[in-house]
Amino acid sequence: MIKNDRSDDKILDYNSNISNELTVVVSAFGSELKIYKSALLNSVKKIYPKSKILFIGDEINTDIDKINNLKSKIPYVRKSPGSLKIICWNQGIKLASSKYVLFMDLDTILLKNLDKYINKLKNGDIDVIFSWRKNNTQWVNTGVLIVKKSSKTIDLFGEYEHKMLQDIQNNHNDQYTFLNFLSKDIDLSDKPRDYEVEINSNGINYLGISGDYINNNSSLVPWSENIYILHLKGIMSTIILKNSKDNRYNNF
């Protein structure tokens, strides 16, 4: 089901309450992306000063031997290790002591409070919020997830890690794994960014929000005032990290 819902456009000021109820889980193994850590930390603390931030693989130890073993054994992982973040996220949801958990990639920053979306978890039947994008190969991007912690979402992340470890052996990423949880193939190419996608699958209620809002990685399009989370990917990442991954300079 796809719906257009603009009834809650006004951002409600629940910061004092939500700040206490929110944990941010970040996958932070490896060294290349550590340059982003302070920016992410400062962006979250400015908006949700009482929230807890768990840097799994940095401030909190993770199973780095397991991660390094997967990198050495699976060629796909050496090229694109990002799917292994699910190992850290699975660890993080178990450690989180709050009602709501925001999962972010290390190269993301929070620009505005997420009260509008967290209240969808708080006041409705939504369990997981993800971002959708206009892409003809994978219409979800899992760099950001907003989750209501419960026994069923804890089980979901355990299954997410298990399935991801199988999928990467066949050159599939964690977004492929997530899409299989949704059991839907939706064409959003002609949909405006205000559309929301509601899916119930195996007892989990998912809500898809445009990545233009909660996982924006546009390098060539002007940023709007409606961006909540900025993902420093594409040419932005190339400039910051001074690398040439995927020939991004040439594509730019």
Protein backbone atom coordinates (compact mmCIF):
# COMPACT_ATOMS: atom_id res chain seq x y z
CA MET A 1 0.00 0.00 0.00
CA ILE A 2 1.27 3.43 -0.94
CA LYS A 3 -0.27 6.47 0.63
CA ASN A 4 0.15 10.22 0.52
CA ASP A 5 0.05 11.61 4.06
CA ARG A 6 0.80 15.26 4.73
CA SER A 7 -1.32 15.59 7.87
CA ASP A 8 1.70 15.69 10.17
CA ASP A 9 3.94 18.06 8.24
CA LYS A 10 4.31 20.28 11.27
CA ILE A 11 7.31 19.14 13.30
CA LEU A 12 6.13 18.62 16.86
CA ASP A 13 8.42 19.74 19.63
CA TYR A 14 8.87 16.53 21.60
CA ASN A 15 12.63 16.85 21.92
CA SER A 16 12.73 16.67 25.73
CA ASN A 17 10.87 13.36 25.78
CA ILE A 18 12.22 11.72 22.64
CA SER A 19 15.80 12.59 23.52
CA ASN A 20 15.47 10.32 26.57
CA GLU A 21 13.81 7.57 24.55
CA LEU A 22 16.27 7.40 21.66
CA THR A 23 19.45 5.41 21.09
CA VAL A 24 21.54 5.97 17.97
CA VAL A 25 23.44 2.91 16.75
CA VAL A 26 26.35 3.44 14.37
CA SER A 27 28.51 0.83 12.68
CA ALA A 28 32.07 2.12 13.13
CA PHE A 29 34.47 -0.73 12.35
CA GLY A 30 37.43 -0.02 10.09
CA SER A 31 39.32 3.24 9.82
CA GLU A 32 38.45 5.08 6.59
CA LEU A 33 35.13 6.54 7.72
CA LYS A 34 36.29 7.56 11.22
CA ILE A 35 36.79 11.06 9.80
CA TYR A 36 32.99 11.44 9.98
CA LYS A 37 32.58 10.42 13.61
CA SER A 38 32.73 13.87 15.23
CA ALA A 39 30.34 15.36 12.70
CA LEU A 40 27.77 12.63 13.32
CA LEU A 41 28.19 12.83 17.10
CA ASN A 42 27.85 16.61 17.22
CA SER A 43 24.84 16.62 14.89
CA VAL A 44 22.94 14.15 17.06
CA LYS A 45 23.87 15.73 20.39
CA LYS A 46 22.82 19.17 19.20
CA ILE A 47 19.30 17.92 18.47
CA TYR A 48 18.89 15.09 20.99
CA PRO A 49 21.35 15.94 23.79
CA LYS A 50 20.15 13.19 26.15
CA SER A 51 20.18 10.41 23.58
CA LYS A 52 22.72 7.60 23.76
CA ILE A 53 25.05 6.99 20.83
CA LEU A 54 26.60 3.55 20.41
CA PHE A 55 29.59 3.44 18.06
CA ILE A 56 29.81 -0.31 17.53
CA GLY A 57 33.28 -1.36 16.46
CA ASP A 58 34.91 1.77 17.88
CA GLU A 59 33.90 2.74 21.41
CA ILE A 60 32.08 -0.58 21.80
CA ASN A 61 33.94 -3.72 20.74
CA THR A 62 32.45 -5.89 18.04
CA ASP A 63 33.45 -9.26 16.59
CA ILE A 64 36.20 -7.81 14.42
CA ASP A 65 37.73 -11.26 13.87
CA LYS A 66 34.46 -12.36 12.30
CA ILE A 67 34.37 -9.24 10.12
CA ASN A 68 37.99 -9.61 9.00
CA ASN A 69 37.46 -13.30 8.25
CA LEU A 70 34.51 -12.46 6.02
CA LYS A 71 36.55 -9.81 4.24
CA SER A 72 39.36 -12.28 3.57
CA LYS A 73 37.08 -15.11 2.40
CA ILE A 74 34.50 -13.28 0.28
CA PRO A 75 35.73 -11.13 -2.65
CA TYR A 76 32.48 -9.14 -2.74
CA VAL A 77 32.96 -8.01 0.85
CA ARG A 78 36.48 -6.77 0.18
CA LYS A 79 35.08 -4.48 -2.51
CA SER A 80 31.96 -3.44 -0.62
CA PRO A 81 32.15 -4.16 3.12
CA GLY A 82 29.18 -1.95 3.98
CA SER A 83 26.78 -4.89 4.31
CA LEU A 84 28.76 -6.07 7.34
CA LYS A 85 27.35 -3.12 9.28
CA ILE A 86 24.38 -5.39 10.05
CA ILE A 87 26.63 -7.37 12.39
CA CYS A 88 27.12 -4.16 14.39
CA TRP A 89 23.49 -3.11 14.13
CA ASN A 90 22.31 -6.49 15.40
CA GLN A 91 24.62 -6.03 18.35
CA GLY A 92 23.39 -2.46 18.85
CA ILE A 93 19.68 -3.18 19.03
CA LYS A 94 20.35 -5.68 21.80
CA LEU A 95 22.44 -3.14 23.72
CA ALA A 96 20.00 -0.27 23.30
CA SER A 97 18.07 0.48 26.48
CA SER A 98 15.60 2.88 24.88
CA LYS A 99 12.21 2.42 23.23
CA TYR A 100 13.37 3.73 19.86
CA VAL A 101 16.57 3.11 17.94
CA LEU A 102 17.97 5.16 15.07
CA PHE A 103 20.45 3.23 12.92
CA MET A 104 22.84 5.42 10.95
CA ASP A 105 25.81 4.83 8.71
CA LEU A 106 28.97 6.49 9.98
CA ASP A 107 28.97 8.91 7.04
CA THR A 108 25.59 10.44 7.89
CA ILE A 109 24.64 13.54 9.86
CA LEU A 110 21.37 14.57 11.51
CA LEU A 111 20.12 17.98 10.38
CA LYS A 112 16.68 18.18 12.02
CA ASN A 113 14.79 16.40 14.76
CA LEU A 114 13.03 13.21 13.75
CA ASP A 115 10.06 13.67 16.10
CA LYS A 116 7.67 13.50 13.15
CA TYR A 117 8.84 9.99 12.29
CA ILE A 118 9.50 8.69 15.77
CA ASN A 119 5.94 9.61 16.68
CA LYS A 120 4.78 7.33 13.87
CA LEU A 121 6.43 4.51 15.82
CA LYS A 122 5.12 5.81 19.13
CA ASN A 123 1.52 6.46 18.20
CA GLY A 124 0.88 3.88 15.48
CA ASP A 125 1.50 0.27 14.54
CA ILE A 126 4.74 0.95 12.69
CA ASP A 127 7.76 -1.13 13.72
CA VAL A 128 10.44 -0.12 11.19
CA ILE A 129 10.92 3.01 9.07
CA PHE A 130 13.24 2.75 6.07
CA SER A 131 13.99 4.99 3.11
CA TRP A 132 12.87 4.42 -0.47
CA ARG A 133 14.44 5.82 -3.60
CA LYS A 134 13.75 6.05 -7.29
CA ASN A 135 16.09 3.32 -8.45
CA ASN A 136 15.42 0.65 -11.02
CA THR A 137 17.63 -1.93 -9.28
CA GLN A 138 17.01 -1.52 -5.54
CA TRP A 139 14.26 0.78 -4.37
CA VAL A 140 15.39 0.79 -0.74
CA ASN A 141 18.49 2.23 0.88
CA THR A 142 19.39 0.84 4.30
CA GLY A 143 21.86 3.52 5.39
CA VAL A 144 19.22 4.74 7.86
CA LEU A 145 16.56 2.80 9.78
CA ILE A 146 14.29 4.01 12.60
CA VAL A 147 13.01 1.14 14.74
CA LYS A 148 10.70 0.53 17.67
CA LYS A 149 12.57 -1.89 19.91
CA SER A 150 10.56 -5.00 20.74
CA SER A 151 11.05 -8.74 20.83
CA LYS A 152 9.98 -9.00 17.18
CA THR A 153 12.36 -6.30 15.93
CA ILE A 154 15.21 -7.85 17.95
CA ASP A 155 14.42 -11.15 16.22
CA LEU A 156 14.25 -9.33 12.88
CA PHE A 157 17.79 -8.00 13.24
CA GLY A 158 19.07 -11.43 14.23
CA GLU A 159 17.52 -12.82 11.04
CA TYR A 160 18.82 -9.82 9.08
CA GLU A 161 22.40 -10.67 10.04
CA HIS A 162 21.87 -14.37 9.36
CA LYS A 163 20.39 -13.79 5.90
CA MET A 164 22.93 -11.09 5.04
CA LEU A 165 25.80 -13.50 5.74
CA GLN A 166 24.25 -15.89 3.24
CA ASP A 167 23.50 -13.25 0.62
CA ILE A 168 26.98 -11.70 0.52
CA GLN A 169 28.38 -15.06 -0.51
CA ASN A 170 26.31 -14.68 -3.70
CA ASN A 171 27.42 -11.07 -4.30
CA HIS A 172 24.27 -9.53 -2.86
CA ASN A 173 24.26 -6.60 -0.44
CA ASP A 174 22.28 -6.06 2.75
CA GLN A 175 19.71 -4.02 0.82
CA TYR A 176 18.96 -7.15 -1.19
CA THR A 177 18.41 -8.95 2.12
CA PHE A 178 16.10 -6.19 3.38
CA LEU A 179 14.08 -6.25 0.16
CA ASN A 180 13.45 -9.95 0.66
CA PHE A 181 12.02 -9.16 4.10
CA LEU A 182 9.58 -6.75 2.48
CA SER A 183 8.58 -9.30 -0.17
CA LYS A 184 7.57 -6.44 -2.46
CA ASP A 185 8.86 -5.07 -5.74
CA ILE A 186 7.45 -1.57 -6.12
CA ASP A 187 8.03 0.94 -8.90
CA LEU A 188 8.29 4.40 -7.35
CA SER A 189 9.83 6.11 -10.36
CA ASP A 190 6.78 8.33 -10.92
CA LYS A 191 5.96 8.98 -7.26
CA PRO A 192 6.59 12.31 -5.50
CA ARG A 193 8.76 12.24 -2.44
CA ASP A 194 5.79 12.75 -0.12
CA TYR A 195 4.51 9.24 -0.78
CA GLU A 196 4.79 6.76 2.05
CA VAL A 197 4.92 3.00 1.53
CA GLU A 198 3.22 0.76 4.09
CA ILE A 199 4.07 -2.95 4.07
CA ASN A 200 3.17 -5.68 6.52
CA SER A 201 5.39 -8.73 6.17
CA ASN A 202 5.74 -11.62 8.61
CA GLY A 203 4.17 -9.65 11.43
CA ILE A 204 6.40 -6.57 10.99
CA ASN A 205 4.86 -3.25 9.93
CA TYR A 206 7.24 -1.31 7.71
CA LEU A 207 6.93 2.31 6.59
CA GLY A 208 8.96 3.64 3.67
CA ILE A 209 9.85 7.36 3.63
CA SER A 210 11.57 9.04 0.73
CA GLY A 211 15.34 9.05 1.02
CA ASP A 212 15.16 12.70 -0.02
CA TYR A 213 14.06 13.29 3.57
CA ILE A 214 15.80 10.75 5.83
CA ASN A 215 18.73 9.48 3.75
CA ASN A 216 19.61 12.19 1.28
CA ASN A 217 22.79 11.59 -0.70
CA SER A 218 22.30 13.99 -3.60
CA SER A 219 25.49 15.56 -4.86
CA LEU A 220 24.17 17.33 -7.94
CA VAL A 221 20.74 18.47 -6.73
CA PRO A 222 20.26 21.49 -4.43
CA TRP A 223 19.48 20.49 -0.85
CA SER A 224 16.03 21.42 0.44
CA GLU A 225 14.98 22.52 3.90
CA ASN A 226 13.15 19.20 4.31
CA ILE A 227 16.27 17.05 4.66
CA TYR A 228 16.41 15.37 8.06
CA ILE A 229 19.44 13.11 7.54
CA LEU A 230 22.22 13.77 5.06
CA HIS A 231 24.28 10.86 3.76
CA LEU A 232 27.73 11.96 2.62
CA LYS A 233 28.03 9.62 -0.34
CA GLY A 234 28.83 9.94 -4.01
CA ILE A 235 31.02 12.84 -5.04
CA MET A 236 30.79 14.27 -1.49
CA SER A 237 32.47 11.15 -0.13
CA THR A 238 35.07 11.20 -2.87
CA ILE A 239 36.06 14.76 -1.98
CA ILE A 240 36.11 14.20 1.79
CA LEU A 241 37.96 10.87 1.69
CA LYS A 242 40.17 11.83 -1.26
CA ASN A 243 39.55 8.53 -3.01
CA SER A 244 38.34 7.59 -6.47
CA LYS A 245 35.89 4.81 -5.65
CA ASP A 246 33.70 3.90 -8.63
CA ASN A 247 35.39 6.64 -10.70
CA ARG A 248 33.17 9.23 -9.03
CA TYR A 249 35.32 12.12 -10.18
CA ASN A 250 34.84 11.02 -13.78
CA ASN A 251 31.11 10.52 -13.29
CA PHE A 252 30.86 13.96 -11.67
